[in-house]
Amino acid sequence: MDEKPSFICDSMLGRLSRWLRVLGYDTLYQRDIEDEEIINLLADCKIRILLTRDRQLYTRVVEAGLKSILIPYENIIRQLAYIGKKLNLNLKLDPDNSRCSVCNSRLVKVSNIDSVRALIPPLLRRGNRNFWYCHKCNKVFWKGRMWPNISRIASTASKNMRKRNL
């Protein structure tokens, strides 16, 4: 059983939703979702936590007895550190426990490259890389050029969690 918290991000926090997914957190996000739909989703599942920058939505959710965190920052590192500190989250990157940044499905490590060969760029097929596959989106992920930057952001957010002024 997965004991990690799960989230709903409002329409202002699309980037944060992708980051939480990459870090392995079940995170719902729809760009065009209305506040009422968010409140109904929260009421139906009761286990999700709303992450929002909208003070009015935050107040409505809390007054309804549901869980929400008001995010005071625009910077992704500060956002991750803030949530991480509030909920004592593990912000360590682990692709084997990651979710699809597009659809939120769990990624599966590819054991046989031939099963996804057609989805991998030709130059990457030759190397000895690890790949992760999303069955819902039919997308393949790997540690590419952006991985050092992704690692740096996650590491910096994790270190910033310890700061008092968050």
C-alpha atoms as a PDB file:
ATOM      1  CA  MET A   1       0.000   0.000   0.000  1.00  0.00           C
ATOM      2  CA  ASP A   2       1.303   3.419  -0.950  1.00  0.00           C
ATOM      3  CA  GLU A   3       1.389   5.721   2.074  1.00  0.00           C
ATOM      4  CA  LYS A   4       2.669   8.764   0.251  1.00  0.00           C
ATOM      5  CA  PRO A   5       0.316  11.736   0.199  1.00  0.00           C
ATOM      6  CA  SER A   6      -1.554  12.352  -3.022  1.00  0.00           C
ATOM      7  CA  PHE A   7      -2.442  15.734  -4.424  1.00  0.00           C
ATOM      8  CA  ILE A   8      -4.637  17.827  -6.668  1.00  0.00           C
ATOM      9  CA  CYS A   9      -2.991  20.929  -8.124  1.00  0.00           C
ATOM     10  CA  ASP A  10      -5.153  23.817  -9.250  1.00  0.00           C
ATOM     11  CA  SER A  11      -4.793  25.335 -12.710  1.00  0.00           C
ATOM     12  CA  MET A  12      -1.981  27.681 -11.584  1.00  0.00           C
ATOM     13  CA  LEU A  13       0.317  24.827 -10.550  1.00  0.00           C
ATOM     14  CA  GLY A  14       0.821  22.714 -13.673  1.00  0.00           C
ATOM     15  CA  ARG A  15       4.600  22.785 -13.399  1.00  0.00           C
ATOM     16  CA  LEU A  16       4.461  21.755  -9.747  1.00  0.00           C
ATOM     17  CA  SER A  17       2.155  18.848 -10.635  1.00  0.00           C
ATOM     18  CA  ARG A  18       4.698  17.539 -13.169  1.00  0.00           C
ATOM     19  CA  TRP A  19       7.499  17.801 -10.623  1.00  0.00           C
ATOM     20  CA  LEU A  20       5.524  15.955  -7.964  1.00  0.00           C
ATOM     21  CA  ARG A  21       4.776  13.199 -10.477  1.00  0.00           C
ATOM     22  CA  VAL A  22       8.452  12.851 -11.392  1.00  0.00           C
ATOM     23  CA  LEU A  23       9.205  12.592  -7.663  1.00  0.00           C
ATOM     24  CA  GLY A  24       6.686   9.742  -7.418  1.00  0.00           C
ATOM     25  CA  TYR A  25       3.653  11.505  -5.933  1.00  0.00           C
ATOM     26  CA  ASP A  26       0.174  10.758  -7.278  1.00  0.00           C
ATOM     27  CA  THR A  27      -0.898  14.209  -8.477  1.00  0.00           C
ATOM     28  CA  LEU A  28      -4.054  15.117 -10.377  1.00  0.00           C
ATOM     29  CA  TYR A  29      -3.982  18.180 -12.598  1.00  0.00           C
ATOM     30  CA  GLN A  30      -6.198  19.565 -15.338  1.00  0.00           C
ATOM     31  CA  ARG A  31      -5.488  22.946 -16.821  1.00  0.00           C
ATOM     32  CA  ASP A  32      -9.139  23.944 -17.265  1.00  0.00           C
ATOM     33  CA  ILE A  33     -10.671  22.533 -14.085  1.00  0.00           C
ATOM     34  CA  GLU A  34     -13.136  24.770 -12.245  1.00  0.00           C
ATOM     35  CA  ASP A  35     -12.976  25.386  -8.492  1.00  0.00           C
ATOM     36  CA  GLU A  36     -16.263  23.524  -7.928  1.00  0.00           C
ATOM     37  CA  GLU A  37     -14.894  20.446  -9.700  1.00  0.00           C
ATOM     38  CA  ILE A  38     -11.777  20.543  -7.524  1.00  0.00           C
ATOM     39  CA  ILE A  39     -13.862  20.756  -4.348  1.00  0.00           C
ATOM     40  CA  ASN A  40     -16.061  17.873  -5.526  1.00  0.00           C
ATOM     41  CA  LEU A  41     -13.004  15.743  -6.331  1.00  0.00           C
ATOM     42  CA  LEU A  42     -11.525  16.467  -2.908  1.00  0.00           C
ATOM     43  CA  ALA A  43     -14.822  15.626  -1.195  1.00  0.00           C
ATOM     44  CA  ASP A  44     -15.152  12.372  -3.152  1.00  0.00           C
ATOM     45  CA  CYS A  45     -11.680  11.019  -2.435  1.00  0.00           C
ATOM     46  CA  LYS A  46     -10.941  12.747   0.899  1.00  0.00           C
ATOM     47  CA  ILE A  47      -7.320  11.550   0.813  1.00  0.00           C
ATOM     48  CA  ARG A  48      -5.971  14.102  -1.627  1.00  0.00           C
ATOM     49  CA  ILE A  49      -4.509  17.418  -0.598  1.00  0.00           C
ATOM     50  CA  LEU A  50      -5.230  20.490  -2.706  1.00  0.00           C
ATOM     51  CA  LEU A  51      -2.178  22.552  -3.593  1.00  0.00           C
ATOM     52  CA  THR A  52      -3.166  26.050  -4.642  1.00  0.00           C
ATOM     53  CA  ARG A  53      -1.974  29.628  -4.948  1.00  0.00           C
ATOM     54  CA  ASP A  54      -5.582  30.868  -4.876  1.00  0.00           C
ATOM     55  CA  ARG A  55      -6.372  32.172  -1.378  1.00  0.00           C
ATOM     56  CA  GLN A  56     -10.157  32.125  -1.964  1.00  0.00           C
ATOM     57  CA  LEU A  57     -10.118  28.509  -3.149  1.00  0.00           C
ATOM     58  CA  TYR A  58      -7.874  27.554  -0.231  1.00  0.00           C
ATOM     59  CA  THR A  59     -10.314  29.151   2.246  1.00  0.00           C
ATOM     60  CA  ARG A  60     -13.346  27.434   0.685  1.00  0.00           C
ATOM     61  CA  VAL A  61     -11.632  24.034   0.806  1.00  0.00           C
ATOM     62  CA  VAL A  62     -10.511  24.406   4.422  1.00  0.00           C
ATOM     63  CA  GLU A  63     -13.966  25.664   5.479  1.00  0.00           C
ATOM     64  CA  ALA A  64     -15.442  22.534   3.855  1.00  0.00           C
ATOM     65  CA  GLY A  65     -13.248  20.438   6.156  1.00  0.00           C
ATOM     66  CA  LEU A  66     -10.947  19.283   3.356  1.00  0.00           C
ATOM     67  CA  LYS A  67      -7.157  19.375   3.144  1.00  0.00           C
ATOM     68  CA  SER A  68      -5.297  22.127   1.344  1.00  0.00           C
ATOM     69  CA  ILE A  69      -1.946  23.886   1.336  1.00  0.00           C
ATOM     70  CA  LEU A  70      -1.683  27.488   0.166  1.00  0.00           C
ATOM     71  CA  ILE A  71       1.555  27.825  -1.817  1.00  0.00           C
ATOM     72  CA  PRO A  72       3.093  31.277  -1.274  1.00  0.00           C
ATOM     73  CA  TYR A  73       5.868  30.943  -3.874  1.00  0.00           C
ATOM     74  CA  GLU A  74       6.144  31.039  -7.666  1.00  0.00           C
ATOM     75  CA  ASN A  75       9.630  29.496  -7.853  1.00  0.00           C
ATOM     76  CA  ILE A  76       9.532  25.704  -8.320  1.00  0.00           C
ATOM     77  CA  ILE A  77      12.401  25.046  -5.901  1.00  0.00           C
ATOM     78  CA  ARG A  78      10.709  27.053  -3.169  1.00  0.00           C
ATOM     79  CA  GLN A  79       7.344  25.416  -3.917  1.00  0.00           C
ATOM     80  CA  LEU A  80       8.798  21.916  -3.612  1.00  0.00           C
ATOM     81  CA  ALA A  81      10.753  22.811  -0.479  1.00  0.00           C
ATOM     82  CA  TYR A  82       7.665  24.375   1.116  1.00  0.00           C
ATOM     83  CA  ILE A  83       5.457  21.350   0.486  1.00  0.00           C
ATOM     84  CA  GLY A  84       8.293  19.025   1.415  1.00  0.00           C
ATOM     85  CA  LYS A  85       8.771  20.755   4.738  1.00  0.00           C
ATOM     86  CA  LYS A  86       5.031  20.945   5.521  1.00  0.00           C
ATOM     87  CA  LEU A  87       4.471  17.249   4.825  1.00  0.00           C
ATOM     88  CA  ASN A  88       7.943  15.834   5.472  1.00  0.00           C
ATOM     89  CA  LEU A  89       8.173  14.583   1.884  1.00  0.00           C
ATOM     90  CA  ASN A  90      11.073  12.711   0.368  1.00  0.00           C
ATOM     91  CA  LEU A  91      12.206  14.846  -2.580  1.00  0.00           C
ATOM     92  CA  LYS A  92      14.801  12.345  -3.786  1.00  0.00           C
ATOM     93  CA  LEU A  93      14.614  11.421  -7.456  1.00  0.00           C
ATOM     94  CA  ASP A  94      14.059   7.734  -8.090  1.00  0.00           C
ATOM     95  CA  PRO A  95      12.963   6.938 -11.651  1.00  0.00           C
ATOM     96  CA  ASP A  96      11.934   3.429 -10.580  1.00  0.00           C
ATOM     97  CA  ASN A  97       9.215   5.006  -8.399  1.00  0.00           C
ATOM     98  CA  SER A  98       8.326   7.868 -10.696  1.00  0.00           C
ATOM     99  CA  ARG A  99       5.065   8.678 -12.426  1.00  0.00           C
ATOM    100  CA  CYS A 100       4.405   9.885 -15.944  1.00  0.00           C
ATOM    101  CA  SER A 101       4.765  13.662 -15.989  1.00  0.00           C
ATOM    102  CA  VAL A 102       1.997  13.836 -18.598  1.00  0.00           C
ATOM    103  CA  CYS A 103      -0.778  11.549 -17.295  1.00  0.00           C
ATOM    104  CA  ASN A 104       0.219  10.603 -13.712  1.00  0.00           C
ATOM    105  CA  SER A 105       0.378   6.814 -14.374  1.00  0.00           C
ATOM    106  CA  ARG A 106       3.124   4.792 -12.738  1.00  0.00           C
ATOM    107  CA  LEU A 107       6.157   4.271 -14.948  1.00  0.00           C
ATOM    108  CA  VAL A 108       7.502   0.776 -15.482  1.00  0.00           C
ATOM    109  CA  LYS A 109      11.190   0.098 -15.958  1.00  0.00           C
ATOM    110  CA  VAL A 110      11.766  -1.463 -19.364  1.00  0.00           C
ATOM    111  CA  SER A 111      13.392  -4.873 -19.058  1.00  0.00           C
ATOM    112  CA  ASN A 112      13.400  -5.652 -22.782  1.00  0.00           C
ATOM    113  CA  ILE A 113      14.292  -2.694 -24.996  1.00  0.00           C
ATOM    114  CA  ASP A 114      12.821  -4.486 -28.021  1.00  0.00           C
ATOM    115  CA  SER A 115       9.339  -3.986 -26.548  1.00  0.00           C
ATOM    116  CA  VAL A 116       9.668  -0.188 -26.868  1.00  0.00           C
ATOM    117  CA  ARG A 117      12.394   0.125 -29.543  1.00  0.00           C
ATOM    118  CA  ALA A 118      10.100   1.971 -31.978  1.00  0.00           C
ATOM    119  CA  LEU A 119       9.434   4.678 -29.349  1.00  0.00           C
ATOM    120  CA  ILE A 120      13.114   5.405 -28.676  1.00  0.00           C
ATOM    121  CA  PRO A 121      15.150   7.779 -30.861  1.00  0.00           C
ATOM    122  CA  PRO A 122      17.609   5.776 -33.019  1.00  0.00           C
ATOM    123  CA  LEU A 123      20.770   7.211 -31.442  1.00  0.00           C
ATOM    124  CA  LEU A 124      19.623   6.168 -27.967  1.00  0.00           C
ATOM    125  CA  ARG A 125      18.887   2.571 -28.961  1.00  0.00           C
ATOM    126  CA  ARG A 126      22.598   1.713 -29.115  1.00  0.00           C
ATOM    127  CA  GLY A 127      23.596   2.873 -25.650  1.00  0.00           C
ATOM    128  CA  ASN A 128      23.335   1.022 -22.405  1.00  0.00           C
ATOM    129  CA  ARG A 129      20.585   3.209 -20.931  1.00  0.00           C
ATOM    130  CA  ASN A 130      17.669   2.549 -18.653  1.00  0.00           C
ATOM    131  CA  PHE A 131      14.209   3.360 -19.962  1.00  0.00           C
ATOM    132  CA  TRP A 132      10.841   3.723 -18.234  1.00  0.00           C
ATOM    133  CA  TYR A 133       7.540   3.244 -20.038  1.00  0.00           C
ATOM    134  CA  CYS A 134       4.080   4.743 -19.525  1.00  0.00           C
ATOM    135  CA  HIS A 135       1.413   2.241 -20.612  1.00  0.00           C
ATOM    136  CA  LYS A 136      -1.302   4.896 -20.698  1.00  0.00           C
ATOM    137  CA  CYS A 137       0.527   7.520 -22.802  1.00  0.00           C
ATOM    138  CA  ASN A 138       2.689   5.027 -24.692  1.00  0.00           C
ATOM    139  CA  LYS A 139       5.725   7.213 -23.957  1.00  0.00           C
ATOM    140  CA  VAL A 140       9.249   6.209 -23.010  1.00  0.00           C
ATOM    141  CA  PHE A 141      11.386   8.204 -20.584  1.00  0.00           C
ATOM    142  CA  TRP A 142      15.131   8.124 -19.907  1.00  0.00           C
ATOM    143  CA  LYS A 143      17.812  10.155 -18.178  1.00  0.00           C
ATOM    144  CA  GLY A 144      18.595  12.593 -20.963  1.00  0.00           C
ATOM    145  CA  ARG A 145      20.255  15.993 -21.302  1.00  0.00           C
ATOM    146  CA  MET A 146      17.864  17.562 -18.792  1.00  0.00           C
ATOM    147  CA  TRP A 147      18.559  14.998 -16.054  1.00  0.00           C
ATOM    148  CA  PRO A 148      21.425  16.964 -14.393  1.00  0.00           C
ATOM    149  CA  ASN A 149      19.164  20.035 -14.145  1.00  0.00           C
ATOM    150  CA  ILE A 150      16.270  17.951 -12.825  1.00  0.00           C
ATOM    151  CA  SER A 151      18.588  16.408 -10.217  1.00  0.00           C
ATOM    152  CA  ARG A 152      19.913  19.824  -9.219  1.00  0.00           C
ATOM    153  CA  ILE A 153      16.429  21.266  -8.701  1.00  0.00           C
ATOM    154  CA  ALA A 154      15.255  18.278  -6.635  1.00  0.00           C
ATOM    155  CA  SER A 155      18.445  18.310  -4.555  1.00  0.00           C
ATOM    156  CA  THR A 156      18.263  22.068  -3.938  1.00  0.00           C
ATOM    157  CA  ALA A 157      14.588  21.830  -2.936  1.00  0.00           C
ATOM    158  CA  SER A 158      15.435  18.996  -0.542  1.00  0.00           C
ATOM    159  CA  LYS A 159      18.218  21.053   1.065  1.00  0.00           C
ATOM    160  CA  ASN A 160      15.959  24.125   1.286  1.00  0.00           C
ATOM    161  CA  MET A 161      13.372  22.105   3.237  1.00  0.00           C
ATOM    162  CA  ARG A 162      15.633  22.445   6.262  1.00  0.00           C
ATOM    163  CA  LYS A 163      15.585  26.242   6.176  1.00  0.00           C
ATOM    164  CA  ARG A 164      13.575  27.994   8.865  1.00  0.00           C
ATOM    165  CA  ASN A 165      12.251  30.831   6.727  1.00  0.00           C
ATOM    166  CA  LEU A 166      10.032  28.722   4.466  1.00  0.00           C
END
